[in-house]
N, C-alpha and C. Protein backbone atom coordinates (compact mmCIF):
# COMPACT_ATOMS: atom_id res chain seq x y z
N UNK A 1 -4.75 -4.57 33.61
CA UNK A 1 -3.37 -4.28 34.10
C UNK A 1 -3.28 -2.74 34.17
N UNK A 2 -2.94 -2.27 35.40
CA UNK A 2 -2.77 -0.80 35.68
C UNK A 2 -1.53 -0.31 35.08
N UNK A 3 -1.65 0.77 34.26
CA UNK A 3 -0.44 1.32 33.68
C UNK A 3 0.56 1.88 34.70
N UNK A 4 1.79 1.75 34.49
CA UNK A 4 2.81 2.31 35.33
C UNK A 4 3.09 3.76 35.00
N UNK A 5 3.81 4.42 35.91
CA UNK A 5 4.13 5.86 35.54
C UNK A 5 4.89 5.93 34.28
N UNK A 6 5.75 5.01 34.04
CA UNK A 6 6.60 4.95 32.80
C UNK A 6 5.62 4.86 31.53
N UNK A 7 4.62 4.00 31.62
CA UNK A 7 3.63 3.91 30.50
C UNK A 7 2.95 5.18 30.27
N UNK A 8 2.48 5.79 31.38
CA UNK A 8 1.73 7.13 31.18
C UNK A 8 2.77 8.16 30.60
N UNK A 9 3.93 8.27 31.15
CA UNK A 9 4.92 9.24 30.67
C UNK A 9 5.17 9.04 29.18
N UNK A 10 5.36 7.81 28.72
CA UNK A 10 5.61 7.50 27.33
C UNK A 10 4.42 7.95 26.47
N UNK A 11 3.18 7.71 26.92
CA UNK A 11 1.97 8.16 26.25
C UNK A 11 1.98 9.71 26.14
N UNK A 12 2.16 10.38 27.21
CA UNK A 12 2.12 11.82 27.25
C UNK A 12 3.27 12.43 26.33
N UNK A 13 4.43 11.86 26.38
CA UNK A 13 5.51 12.35 25.56
C UNK A 13 5.42 12.07 24.07
N UNK A 14 4.76 10.98 23.69
CA UNK A 14 4.70 10.63 22.24
C UNK A 14 3.38 11.03 21.59
N UNK A 15 2.48 11.61 22.40
CA UNK A 15 1.16 11.99 21.78
C UNK A 15 1.16 13.52 21.62
N UNK A 16 0.41 13.90 20.58
CA UNK A 16 0.25 15.35 20.27
C UNK A 16 -1.17 15.72 20.02
N UNK A 17 -1.98 14.78 19.49
CA UNK A 17 -3.34 15.08 19.01
C UNK A 17 -4.29 14.41 20.00
N UNK A 18 -5.09 15.17 20.74
CA UNK A 18 -5.93 14.66 21.78
C UNK A 18 -7.38 15.09 21.44
N UNK A 19 -8.27 14.08 21.24
CA UNK A 19 -9.68 14.35 21.07
C UNK A 19 -10.29 14.33 22.44
N UNK A 20 -10.88 15.50 22.80
CA UNK A 20 -11.62 15.59 24.13
C UNK A 20 -13.15 15.28 23.90
N UNK A 21 -13.52 14.12 24.30
CA UNK A 21 -14.94 13.70 24.03
C UNK A 21 -15.76 14.14 25.24
N UNK A 22 -16.71 15.02 24.88
CA UNK A 22 -17.54 15.58 25.95
C UNK A 22 -17.05 16.87 26.44
N UNK A 23 -16.26 17.58 25.58
CA UNK A 23 -15.76 18.94 25.91
C UNK A 23 -16.95 19.88 26.12
N UNK A 24 -16.72 20.84 27.01
CA UNK A 24 -17.70 21.78 27.32
C UNK A 24 -17.16 23.19 26.95
N UNK A 25 -18.01 24.11 26.62
CA UNK A 25 -17.70 25.47 26.43
C UNK A 25 -17.80 26.29 27.77
N UNK A 26 -18.25 25.61 28.78
CA UNK A 26 -18.36 26.32 30.07
C UNK A 26 -17.06 26.18 30.83
N UNK A 27 -16.48 27.36 31.19
CA UNK A 27 -15.19 27.46 31.81
C UNK A 27 -15.04 26.79 33.13
N UNK A 28 -16.18 26.53 33.83
CA UNK A 28 -16.08 25.90 35.16
C UNK A 28 -16.12 24.39 35.06
N UNK A 29 -16.21 23.85 33.87
CA UNK A 29 -16.20 22.38 33.69
C UNK A 29 -14.81 21.78 33.59
N UNK A 30 -14.63 20.56 34.12
CA UNK A 30 -13.29 19.95 34.10
C UNK A 30 -12.84 19.76 32.61
N UNK A 31 -13.73 19.37 31.76
CA UNK A 31 -13.26 19.18 30.34
C UNK A 31 -12.71 20.42 29.73
N UNK A 32 -13.29 21.59 30.05
CA UNK A 32 -12.77 22.88 29.57
C UNK A 32 -11.39 23.20 30.17
N UNK A 33 -11.32 22.99 31.47
CA UNK A 33 -10.04 23.31 32.15
C UNK A 33 -8.93 22.35 31.68
N UNK A 34 -9.21 21.11 31.61
CA UNK A 34 -8.20 20.14 31.15
C UNK A 34 -7.70 20.43 29.71
N UNK A 35 -8.80 20.66 28.84
CA UNK A 35 -8.39 20.88 27.42
C UNK A 35 -7.57 22.15 27.33
N UNK A 36 -7.90 23.19 28.08
CA UNK A 36 -7.08 24.40 28.08
C UNK A 36 -5.67 24.13 28.49
N UNK A 37 -5.53 23.44 29.57
CA UNK A 37 -4.24 23.14 30.12
C UNK A 37 -3.34 22.39 29.05
N UNK A 38 -4.03 21.27 28.44
CA UNK A 38 -3.25 20.55 27.45
C UNK A 38 -2.92 21.39 26.33
N UNK A 39 -3.76 22.31 25.88
CA UNK A 39 -3.39 23.19 24.76
C UNK A 39 -2.20 24.06 25.07
N UNK A 40 -2.25 24.60 26.36
CA UNK A 40 -1.16 25.43 26.79
C UNK A 40 0.19 24.72 26.93
N UNK A 41 0.07 23.33 26.94
CA UNK A 41 1.27 22.54 27.14
C UNK A 41 1.62 21.93 25.81
N UNK A 42 1.18 22.42 24.68
CA UNK A 42 1.64 22.01 23.42
C UNK A 42 0.85 20.91 22.65
N UNK A 43 -0.27 20.48 23.29
CA UNK A 43 -1.09 19.42 22.55
C UNK A 43 -2.07 20.17 21.64
N UNK A 44 -2.49 19.48 20.63
CA UNK A 44 -3.51 19.87 19.69
C UNK A 44 -4.79 19.30 20.26
N UNK A 45 -5.81 20.12 20.41
CA UNK A 45 -7.09 19.60 20.93
C UNK A 45 -8.03 19.44 19.78
N UNK A 46 -8.71 18.36 19.78
CA UNK A 46 -9.79 18.10 18.82
C UNK A 46 -11.11 17.97 19.68
N UNK A 47 -11.92 19.03 19.64
CA UNK A 47 -13.13 19.05 20.50
C UNK A 47 -14.18 18.08 19.88
N UNK A 48 -14.85 17.31 20.78
CA UNK A 48 -15.90 16.38 20.37
C UNK A 48 -17.10 16.72 21.28
N UNK A 49 -18.13 17.30 20.56
CA UNK A 49 -19.43 17.59 21.34
C UNK A 49 -20.40 17.87 20.22
N UNK A 50 -21.46 17.12 20.08
CA UNK A 50 -22.47 17.39 19.03
C UNK A 50 -23.18 18.69 19.16
N UNK A 51 -23.15 19.29 20.35
CA UNK A 51 -23.78 20.55 20.58
C UNK A 51 -22.98 21.78 20.27
N UNK A 52 -21.66 21.55 19.87
CA UNK A 52 -20.75 22.72 19.62
C UNK A 52 -20.30 22.69 18.19
N UNK A 53 -20.26 23.93 17.66
CA UNK A 53 -19.62 24.09 16.32
C UNK A 53 -18.17 24.30 16.44
N UNK A 54 -17.76 24.87 17.55
CA UNK A 54 -16.34 25.18 17.79
C UNK A 54 -16.12 25.28 19.27
N UNK A 55 -14.82 25.17 19.60
CA UNK A 55 -14.40 25.40 20.99
C UNK A 55 -13.11 26.27 20.93
N UNK A 56 -13.16 27.44 21.52
CA UNK A 56 -12.09 28.37 21.48
C UNK A 56 -11.55 28.55 19.99
N UNK A 57 -12.44 28.65 19.06
CA UNK A 57 -12.09 28.82 17.66
C UNK A 57 -11.68 27.60 16.91
N UNK A 58 -11.62 26.48 17.57
CA UNK A 58 -11.22 25.26 16.92
C UNK A 58 -12.52 24.48 16.52
N UNK A 59 -12.64 24.12 15.25
CA UNK A 59 -13.81 23.43 14.79
C UNK A 59 -14.06 22.10 15.63
N UNK A 60 -15.35 22.00 16.07
CA UNK A 60 -15.67 20.83 16.91
C UNK A 60 -16.36 19.84 16.00
N UNK A 61 -16.27 18.51 16.41
CA UNK A 61 -16.83 17.41 15.74
C UNK A 61 -17.98 16.89 16.55
N UNK A 62 -19.02 16.33 15.86
CA UNK A 62 -20.23 15.78 16.62
C UNK A 62 -19.86 14.39 17.25
N UNK A 63 -18.87 13.74 16.68
CA UNK A 63 -18.52 12.44 17.22
C UNK A 63 -17.09 12.12 16.88
N UNK A 64 -16.47 11.12 17.48
CA UNK A 64 -15.11 10.75 17.19
C UNK A 64 -15.04 10.26 15.76
N UNK A 65 -16.10 9.52 15.29
CA UNK A 65 -16.02 8.98 13.87
C UNK A 65 -16.09 10.11 12.85
N UNK A 66 -16.51 11.35 13.17
CA UNK A 66 -16.56 12.48 12.31
C UNK A 66 -15.25 13.15 12.14
N UNK A 67 -14.29 12.85 12.95
CA UNK A 67 -12.92 13.49 12.93
C UNK A 67 -12.21 13.06 11.68
N UNK A 68 -11.65 14.04 10.92
CA UNK A 68 -10.96 13.69 9.71
C UNK A 68 -9.46 13.89 9.77
N UNK A 69 -8.92 13.60 10.95
CA UNK A 69 -7.49 13.70 11.16
C UNK A 69 -7.01 12.75 12.16
N UNK A 70 -5.76 12.53 12.27
CA UNK A 70 -5.12 11.57 13.21
C UNK A 70 -5.41 11.92 14.66
N UNK A 71 -5.67 11.02 15.46
CA UNK A 71 -5.90 11.13 16.96
C UNK A 71 -4.91 10.27 17.67
N UNK A 72 -4.21 10.76 18.64
CA UNK A 72 -3.34 9.90 19.48
C UNK A 72 -4.00 9.37 20.70
N UNK A 73 -4.84 10.26 21.33
CA UNK A 73 -5.53 9.93 22.53
C UNK A 73 -6.99 10.34 22.42
N UNK A 74 -7.89 9.43 22.78
CA UNK A 74 -9.33 9.82 22.95
C UNK A 74 -9.51 10.01 24.48
N UNK A 75 -9.65 11.25 24.86
CA UNK A 75 -9.76 11.60 26.29
C UNK A 75 -11.26 11.76 26.59
N UNK A 76 -11.79 10.90 27.44
CA UNK A 76 -13.29 10.80 27.64
C UNK A 76 -13.80 11.43 28.88
N UNK A 77 -14.72 12.44 28.72
CA UNK A 77 -15.42 13.11 29.76
C UNK A 77 -16.91 12.78 29.63
N UNK A 78 -17.25 11.56 29.54
CA UNK A 78 -18.65 11.13 29.42
C UNK A 78 -18.97 10.10 30.55
N UNK A 79 -20.24 9.99 30.84
CA UNK A 79 -20.67 9.08 31.87
C UNK A 79 -20.25 7.64 31.42
N UNK A 80 -19.97 6.80 32.44
CA UNK A 80 -19.55 5.48 32.17
C UNK A 80 -20.41 4.65 31.20
N UNK A 81 -21.70 4.87 31.19
CA UNK A 81 -22.62 4.12 30.37
C UNK A 81 -22.44 4.46 28.86
N UNK A 82 -21.83 5.56 28.59
CA UNK A 82 -21.55 5.95 27.20
C UNK A 82 -20.22 5.43 26.65
N UNK A 83 -19.38 4.83 27.50
CA UNK A 83 -18.00 4.53 27.16
C UNK A 83 -17.88 3.31 26.23
N UNK A 84 -18.92 2.37 26.41
CA UNK A 84 -18.87 1.23 25.59
C UNK A 84 -18.90 1.51 24.11
N UNK A 85 -19.78 2.44 23.74
CA UNK A 85 -19.92 2.88 22.26
C UNK A 85 -18.65 3.64 21.92
N UNK A 86 -18.12 4.47 22.81
CA UNK A 86 -16.91 5.17 22.50
C UNK A 86 -15.70 4.29 22.24
N UNK A 87 -15.63 3.25 23.12
CA UNK A 87 -14.51 2.23 22.92
C UNK A 87 -14.55 1.57 21.63
N UNK A 88 -15.80 1.32 21.13
CA UNK A 88 -15.92 0.73 19.78
C UNK A 88 -15.40 1.69 18.73
N UNK A 89 -15.69 2.93 18.84
CA UNK A 89 -15.18 3.88 17.83
C UNK A 89 -13.68 4.03 17.92
N UNK A 90 -13.17 4.01 19.18
CA UNK A 90 -11.77 4.05 19.32
C UNK A 90 -11.01 2.94 18.56
N UNK A 91 -11.50 1.74 18.78
CA UNK A 91 -11.00 0.53 18.16
C UNK A 91 -11.15 0.65 16.66
N UNK A 92 -12.38 0.98 16.24
CA UNK A 92 -12.65 1.06 14.73
C UNK A 92 -11.63 2.08 14.08
N UNK A 93 -11.30 3.08 14.74
CA UNK A 93 -10.51 4.16 14.17
C UNK A 93 -8.98 3.92 14.36
N UNK A 94 -8.76 2.93 15.16
CA UNK A 94 -7.29 2.69 15.42
C UNK A 94 -6.53 3.63 16.27
N UNK A 95 -7.34 4.28 17.10
CA UNK A 95 -6.73 5.23 18.12
C UNK A 95 -5.93 4.53 19.14
N UNK A 96 -4.66 4.78 19.35
CA UNK A 96 -3.87 3.93 20.20
C UNK A 96 -4.16 4.04 21.69
N UNK A 97 -4.71 5.16 22.12
CA UNK A 97 -4.95 5.38 23.59
C UNK A 97 -6.36 5.88 23.81
N UNK A 98 -7.02 5.21 24.76
CA UNK A 98 -8.34 5.72 25.25
C UNK A 98 -8.11 6.07 26.78
N UNK A 99 -8.32 7.35 27.06
CA UNK A 99 -8.09 7.86 28.46
C UNK A 99 -9.42 8.19 29.01
N UNK A 100 -9.78 7.49 30.16
CA UNK A 100 -11.00 7.80 30.79
C UNK A 100 -10.76 8.58 32.06
N UNK A 101 -11.29 9.77 32.11
CA UNK A 101 -11.02 10.77 33.22
C UNK A 101 -11.49 10.18 34.57
N UNK A 102 -11.12 10.92 35.60
CA UNK A 102 -11.52 10.55 36.99
C UNK A 102 -12.99 10.39 37.03
N UNK A 103 -13.49 9.36 37.67
CA UNK A 103 -14.88 9.03 37.77
C UNK A 103 -15.51 8.29 36.60
N UNK A 104 -14.70 8.11 35.54
CA UNK A 104 -15.16 7.40 34.42
C UNK A 104 -14.63 6.03 34.40
N UNK A 105 -15.41 5.02 34.88
CA UNK A 105 -15.00 3.66 35.04
C UNK A 105 -15.95 2.73 34.24
N UNK A 106 -15.52 1.94 33.36
CA UNK A 106 -16.31 0.97 32.61
C UNK A 106 -15.36 -0.19 32.27
N UNK A 107 -15.35 -1.23 33.08
CA UNK A 107 -14.50 -2.34 32.92
C UNK A 107 -14.70 -3.05 31.63
N UNK A 108 -15.94 -3.17 31.19
CA UNK A 108 -16.22 -3.95 29.92
C UNK A 108 -15.65 -3.17 28.73
N UNK A 109 -15.77 -1.86 28.69
CA UNK A 109 -15.24 -1.05 27.62
C UNK A 109 -13.67 -1.16 27.62
N UNK A 110 -13.11 -1.13 28.82
CA UNK A 110 -11.62 -1.24 28.99
C UNK A 110 -11.18 -2.54 28.46
N UNK A 111 -11.82 -3.62 28.82
CA UNK A 111 -11.39 -4.97 28.37
C UNK A 111 -11.56 -5.09 26.87
N UNK A 112 -12.62 -4.53 26.28
CA UNK A 112 -12.87 -4.57 24.80
C UNK A 112 -11.73 -3.83 24.12
N UNK A 113 -11.41 -2.60 24.60
CA UNK A 113 -10.45 -1.82 23.84
C UNK A 113 -9.05 -2.48 24.00
N UNK A 114 -8.71 -2.94 25.17
CA UNK A 114 -7.42 -3.60 25.37
C UNK A 114 -7.26 -4.89 24.58
N UNK A 115 -8.38 -5.58 24.48
CA UNK A 115 -8.37 -6.84 23.63
C UNK A 115 -8.09 -6.60 22.16
N UNK A 116 -8.27 -5.34 21.75
CA UNK A 116 -8.01 -4.96 20.37
C UNK A 116 -6.79 -4.12 20.20
N UNK A 117 -5.90 -4.10 21.27
CA UNK A 117 -4.64 -3.45 21.22
C UNK A 117 -4.55 -2.04 21.59
N UNK A 118 -5.71 -1.45 22.12
CA UNK A 118 -5.69 -0.08 22.54
C UNK A 118 -5.24 -0.04 23.99
N UNK A 119 -4.37 0.97 24.28
CA UNK A 119 -3.96 1.18 25.68
C UNK A 119 -5.02 1.97 26.34
N UNK A 120 -5.40 1.61 27.58
CA UNK A 120 -6.45 2.29 28.31
C UNK A 120 -5.95 2.81 29.64
N UNK A 121 -6.21 4.06 29.91
CA UNK A 121 -5.93 4.72 31.16
C UNK A 121 -7.31 4.98 31.79
N UNK A 122 -7.58 4.49 32.95
CA UNK A 122 -8.98 4.63 33.47
C UNK A 122 -8.98 5.28 34.82
N UNK A 123 -9.97 6.20 35.00
CA UNK A 123 -10.20 6.80 36.24
C UNK A 123 -9.01 7.68 36.77
N UNK A 124 -8.35 8.30 35.77
CA UNK A 124 -7.20 9.17 36.09
C UNK A 124 -7.31 10.46 35.30
N UNK A 125 -6.91 11.59 35.82
CA UNK A 125 -6.95 12.83 35.09
C UNK A 125 -5.71 13.05 34.33
N UNK A 126 -5.82 13.29 33.03
CA UNK A 126 -4.64 13.49 32.20
C UNK A 126 -3.92 14.74 32.56
N UNK A 127 -4.55 15.74 33.01
CA UNK A 127 -3.93 17.05 33.43
C UNK A 127 -3.15 16.73 34.72
N UNK A 128 -3.72 16.07 35.66
CA UNK A 128 -2.98 15.79 36.93
C UNK A 128 -1.76 14.92 36.70
N UNK A 129 -1.93 13.93 35.83
CA UNK A 129 -0.82 13.03 35.47
C UNK A 129 0.27 13.79 34.74
N UNK A 130 -0.11 14.67 33.85
CA UNK A 130 0.95 15.55 33.19
C UNK A 130 1.64 16.38 34.14
N UNK A 131 0.95 17.08 35.03
CA UNK A 131 1.59 17.90 36.02
C UNK A 131 2.48 17.10 36.91
N UNK A 132 2.00 15.91 37.33
CA UNK A 132 2.79 15.01 38.31
C UNK A 132 4.05 14.49 37.59
N UNK A 133 3.99 14.11 36.33
CA UNK A 133 5.05 13.39 35.70
C UNK A 133 5.98 14.26 34.89
N UNK A 134 5.46 15.44 34.36
CA UNK A 134 6.23 16.23 33.45
C UNK A 134 6.59 17.61 34.03
N UNK A 135 5.76 18.24 34.83
CA UNK A 135 5.98 19.54 35.29
C UNK A 135 7.28 19.62 36.12
N UNK A 136 7.46 18.58 36.91
CA UNK A 136 8.72 18.60 37.75
C UNK A 136 10.03 18.47 36.92
N UNK A 137 9.87 17.96 35.66
CA UNK A 137 11.02 17.75 34.84
C UNK A 137 11.39 18.99 34.03
N UNK A 138 10.49 20.05 34.11
CA UNK A 138 10.68 21.29 33.43
C UNK A 138 10.21 21.23 32.00
N UNK A 139 9.51 20.20 31.63
CA UNK A 139 9.00 20.16 30.24
C UNK A 139 7.54 20.52 30.10
N UNK A 140 6.94 20.74 31.28
CA UNK A 140 5.52 21.13 31.26
C UNK A 140 5.31 22.36 32.03
N UNK A 141 4.08 22.91 31.96
CA UNK A 141 3.66 24.08 32.72
C UNK A 141 3.34 23.76 34.12
N UNK A 142 3.59 24.64 35.06
CA UNK A 142 3.16 24.29 36.43
C UNK A 142 1.90 25.14 36.79
N UNK A 143 1.31 25.65 35.81
CA UNK A 143 0.06 26.45 36.06
C UNK A 143 -1.13 25.62 36.25
C-alpha cells in the first residue's frame, strides 16, 4: 500500500531521530546532502557506516543494531540487495519507520517490515518529500 501525503507528513512531523544507513563523508553524495538538510531542519542524525568513526562531529555506528538510542526512522542509502538484512534489524529494534531512498526498491523487505508493523516508504527521497510537504507551510527550510 503506497503511503499518502498525509501519512508522510505525519511521519515527518512526529519523527526527530533519523538513522542514516549508508551515510557518506563525501559532500557530493546524496546521503551526505540529505543528512545535512535534515539536520538543518531540526532532525537528529544518527550516522550508520562501519567505515566512519564520526560524521560532522557526530559519533557514527557500524550498524543499526549498534545504536544505543531511540530511532524514529531508519533512512536507507544502501543497494536493494542489502535491504533484507536491514529490514530485519529495523523490525528487531522496533523502529517504526523504514525509509528507502530513491532507487532503493526491495519488495520482499518491504513486505517483511510491514507484516511486523513497520511503516515503509520506498523509492522516495525524504529530503524531497520534506521540501514538498513542509517547506511550503513555513515549517521547513527552502534551501
